[in-house]
N, C-alpha and C. Protein backbone atom coordinates (compact mmCIF):
# COMPACT_ATOMS: atom_id res chain seq x y z
N MET A 1 -32.15 -0.65 -31.76
CA MET A 1 -31.59 0.52 -31.09
C MET A 1 -30.32 0.11 -30.34
N GLU A 2 -29.26 0.87 -30.51
CA GLU A 2 -28.00 0.58 -29.83
C GLU A 2 -28.09 0.97 -28.36
N ARG A 3 -27.58 0.09 -27.50
CA ARG A 3 -27.58 0.40 -26.07
C ARG A 3 -26.53 1.44 -25.76
N GLN A 4 -26.82 2.28 -24.80
CA GLN A 4 -25.86 3.27 -24.33
C GLN A 4 -24.81 2.56 -23.49
N ILE A 5 -23.60 3.12 -23.44
CA ILE A 5 -22.52 2.49 -22.69
C ILE A 5 -22.87 2.37 -21.21
N GLN A 6 -23.67 3.29 -20.67
CA GLN A 6 -24.04 3.23 -19.26
C GLN A 6 -24.91 1.99 -18.97
N ASP A 7 -25.64 1.50 -19.98
CA ASP A 7 -26.53 0.37 -19.79
C ASP A 7 -25.86 -0.98 -20.03
N MET A 8 -24.62 -0.96 -20.48
CA MET A 8 -23.90 -2.20 -20.74
C MET A 8 -23.52 -2.88 -19.43
N PRO A 9 -23.46 -4.20 -19.44
CA PRO A 9 -22.95 -4.88 -18.24
C PRO A 9 -21.42 -4.77 -18.18
N PHE A 10 -20.92 -4.14 -17.15
CA PHE A 10 -19.49 -4.00 -16.94
C PHE A 10 -19.09 -4.86 -15.75
N ARG A 11 -17.83 -5.31 -15.74
CA ARG A 11 -17.29 -6.07 -14.62
C ARG A 11 -16.16 -5.29 -13.99
N LYS A 12 -16.05 -5.41 -12.67
CA LYS A 12 -14.94 -4.81 -11.93
C LYS A 12 -14.00 -5.92 -11.49
N SER A 13 -12.75 -5.58 -11.34
CA SER A 13 -11.76 -6.54 -10.89
C SER A 13 -12.06 -7.02 -9.47
N SER A 14 -11.91 -8.30 -9.26
CA SER A 14 -12.07 -8.84 -7.90
C SER A 14 -10.90 -8.44 -7.01
N TYR A 15 -9.83 -7.91 -7.59
CA TYR A 15 -8.66 -7.46 -6.83
C TYR A 15 -8.80 -6.02 -6.35
N SER A 16 -9.84 -5.32 -6.78
CA SER A 16 -10.04 -3.93 -6.39
C SER A 16 -10.44 -3.87 -4.92
N PRO A 17 -9.78 -3.01 -4.13
CA PRO A 17 -10.08 -2.95 -2.70
C PRO A 17 -11.48 -2.41 -2.39
N ASP A 18 -12.02 -1.56 -3.24
CA ASP A 18 -13.39 -1.11 -3.07
C ASP A 18 -14.00 -0.86 -4.44
N ALA A 19 -15.23 -0.47 -4.46
CA ALA A 19 -15.98 -0.40 -5.72
C ALA A 19 -15.59 0.75 -6.63
N ASN A 20 -14.87 1.76 -6.15
CA ASN A 20 -14.63 2.94 -6.97
C ASN A 20 -13.16 3.28 -7.20
N THR A 21 -12.29 2.30 -7.16
CA THR A 21 -10.87 2.59 -7.40
C THR A 21 -10.30 1.68 -8.49
N CYS A 22 -11.07 1.43 -9.49
CA CYS A 22 -10.58 0.55 -10.55
C CYS A 22 -11.23 0.93 -11.87
N VAL A 23 -10.90 0.19 -12.88
CA VAL A 23 -11.58 0.33 -14.15
C VAL A 23 -12.59 -0.80 -14.27
N GLU A 24 -13.57 -0.60 -15.12
CA GLU A 24 -14.57 -1.62 -15.41
C GLU A 24 -14.45 -2.00 -16.88
N VAL A 25 -14.71 -3.26 -17.17
CA VAL A 25 -14.58 -3.77 -18.53
C VAL A 25 -15.89 -4.40 -18.96
N GLY A 26 -16.30 -4.11 -20.18
CA GLY A 26 -17.51 -4.71 -20.76
C GLY A 26 -17.28 -5.03 -22.22
N VAL A 27 -18.07 -5.95 -22.75
CA VAL A 27 -17.97 -6.32 -24.16
C VAL A 27 -19.29 -5.98 -24.84
N HIS A 28 -19.19 -5.28 -25.96
CA HIS A 28 -20.40 -4.88 -26.70
C HIS A 28 -20.03 -4.65 -28.16
N ASP A 29 -20.82 -5.18 -29.05
CA ASP A 29 -20.60 -5.01 -30.49
C ASP A 29 -19.19 -5.42 -30.93
N GLY A 30 -18.66 -6.48 -30.32
CA GLY A 30 -17.35 -6.98 -30.70
C GLY A 30 -16.18 -6.18 -30.18
N LEU A 31 -16.43 -5.21 -29.33
CA LEU A 31 -15.37 -4.38 -28.76
C LEU A 31 -15.28 -4.60 -27.26
N ILE A 32 -14.07 -4.53 -26.73
CA ILE A 32 -13.87 -4.54 -25.29
C ILE A 32 -13.83 -3.08 -24.88
N LYS A 33 -14.76 -2.70 -24.01
CA LYS A 33 -14.88 -1.30 -23.61
C LYS A 33 -14.46 -1.15 -22.15
N VAL A 34 -13.73 -0.08 -21.87
CA VAL A 34 -13.16 0.16 -20.54
C VAL A 34 -13.60 1.54 -20.07
N ARG A 35 -14.00 1.63 -18.79
CA ARG A 35 -14.37 2.93 -18.23
C ARG A 35 -13.87 3.03 -16.79
N ASP A 36 -13.82 4.24 -16.29
CA ASP A 36 -13.39 4.54 -14.93
C ASP A 36 -14.55 4.28 -13.99
N SER A 37 -14.35 3.47 -12.95
CA SER A 37 -15.44 3.14 -12.03
C SER A 37 -15.87 4.34 -11.18
N LYS A 38 -14.99 5.36 -11.04
CA LYS A 38 -15.35 6.54 -10.24
C LYS A 38 -16.32 7.46 -10.97
N ASP A 39 -16.29 7.45 -12.28
CA ASP A 39 -17.13 8.36 -13.06
C ASP A 39 -17.71 7.60 -14.26
N GLN A 40 -18.67 6.76 -13.98
CA GLN A 40 -19.23 5.86 -14.99
C GLN A 40 -20.00 6.60 -16.09
N GLU A 41 -20.63 7.68 -15.75
CA GLU A 41 -21.49 8.37 -16.71
C GLU A 41 -20.71 9.21 -17.71
N THR A 42 -19.78 10.05 -17.23
CA THR A 42 -19.12 11.01 -18.12
C THR A 42 -17.60 10.89 -18.11
N GLY A 43 -17.07 9.93 -17.37
CA GLY A 43 -15.63 9.80 -17.25
C GLY A 43 -14.97 9.24 -18.49
N PRO A 44 -13.64 9.17 -18.46
CA PRO A 44 -12.90 8.66 -19.61
C PRO A 44 -13.25 7.21 -19.89
N ARG A 45 -13.21 6.85 -21.16
CA ARG A 45 -13.46 5.48 -21.58
C ARG A 45 -12.79 5.25 -22.93
N PHE A 46 -12.55 4.01 -23.23
CA PHE A 46 -12.01 3.67 -24.54
C PHE A 46 -12.45 2.27 -24.92
N ALA A 47 -12.29 1.93 -26.19
CA ALA A 47 -12.69 0.63 -26.70
C ALA A 47 -11.56 0.05 -27.54
N LEU A 48 -11.41 -1.27 -27.45
CA LEU A 48 -10.37 -1.98 -28.19
C LEU A 48 -10.96 -3.20 -28.88
N ARG A 49 -10.40 -3.57 -29.99
CA ARG A 49 -10.75 -4.85 -30.61
C ARG A 49 -10.07 -5.96 -29.81
N ALA A 50 -10.55 -7.18 -29.95
CA ALA A 50 -10.07 -8.30 -29.14
C ALA A 50 -8.55 -8.49 -29.24
N ARG A 51 -7.98 -8.38 -30.41
CA ARG A 51 -6.53 -8.59 -30.57
C ARG A 51 -5.75 -7.53 -29.79
N ALA A 52 -6.17 -6.28 -29.86
CA ALA A 52 -5.49 -5.21 -29.12
C ALA A 52 -5.65 -5.40 -27.62
N TRP A 53 -6.83 -5.84 -27.18
CA TRP A 53 -7.07 -6.11 -25.75
C TRP A 53 -6.14 -7.22 -25.27
N ASP A 54 -6.03 -8.30 -26.05
CA ASP A 54 -5.15 -9.40 -25.68
C ASP A 54 -3.70 -8.93 -25.54
N ALA A 55 -3.25 -8.09 -26.47
CA ALA A 55 -1.88 -7.56 -26.39
C ALA A 55 -1.70 -6.70 -25.15
N PHE A 56 -2.70 -5.89 -24.82
CA PHE A 56 -2.64 -5.05 -23.63
C PHE A 56 -2.56 -5.91 -22.36
N VAL A 57 -3.41 -6.90 -22.25
CA VAL A 57 -3.41 -7.78 -21.07
C VAL A 57 -2.08 -8.52 -20.95
N ASP A 58 -1.56 -9.02 -22.07
CA ASP A 58 -0.25 -9.69 -22.04
C ASP A 58 0.83 -8.74 -21.55
N ALA A 59 0.81 -7.49 -22.01
CA ALA A 59 1.80 -6.51 -21.58
C ALA A 59 1.69 -6.24 -20.09
N VAL A 60 0.49 -6.14 -19.58
CA VAL A 60 0.30 -5.90 -18.15
C VAL A 60 0.84 -7.07 -17.35
N LYS A 61 0.61 -8.27 -17.81
CA LYS A 61 1.06 -9.46 -17.09
C LYS A 61 2.57 -9.64 -17.11
N THR A 62 3.24 -9.16 -18.16
CA THR A 62 4.66 -9.45 -18.32
C THR A 62 5.58 -8.25 -18.17
N THR A 63 5.02 -7.05 -17.98
CA THR A 63 5.82 -5.83 -17.92
C THR A 63 5.59 -5.13 -16.60
N SER A 64 6.63 -4.51 -16.10
CA SER A 64 6.50 -3.70 -14.90
C SER A 64 6.16 -2.27 -15.30
N PHE A 65 5.00 -1.80 -14.90
CA PHE A 65 4.59 -0.44 -15.19
C PHE A 65 4.88 0.43 -13.98
N SER A 66 5.34 1.65 -14.22
CA SER A 66 5.58 2.55 -13.11
C SER A 66 4.57 3.70 -13.15
N ALA A 67 4.33 4.31 -12.03
CA ALA A 67 3.37 5.41 -11.93
C ALA A 67 3.95 6.74 -12.41
N SER A 68 5.23 6.80 -12.65
CA SER A 68 5.84 8.07 -13.05
C SER A 68 5.84 8.26 -14.54
């Protein structure tokens, strides 16, 4: 039986100022899954393969993102 995403072990960033203002990341079935920590049950989420996740993390580390 496949586990539900709510039952997966997710990690929060140690840089997050409190428990509900960040995203959480978990790995399941070869996918990196991301969800909103404010709405774990029904909030937005997405999944990436390892190569796409690595590209995303590299972009975050090397690019300046703006909120606008």
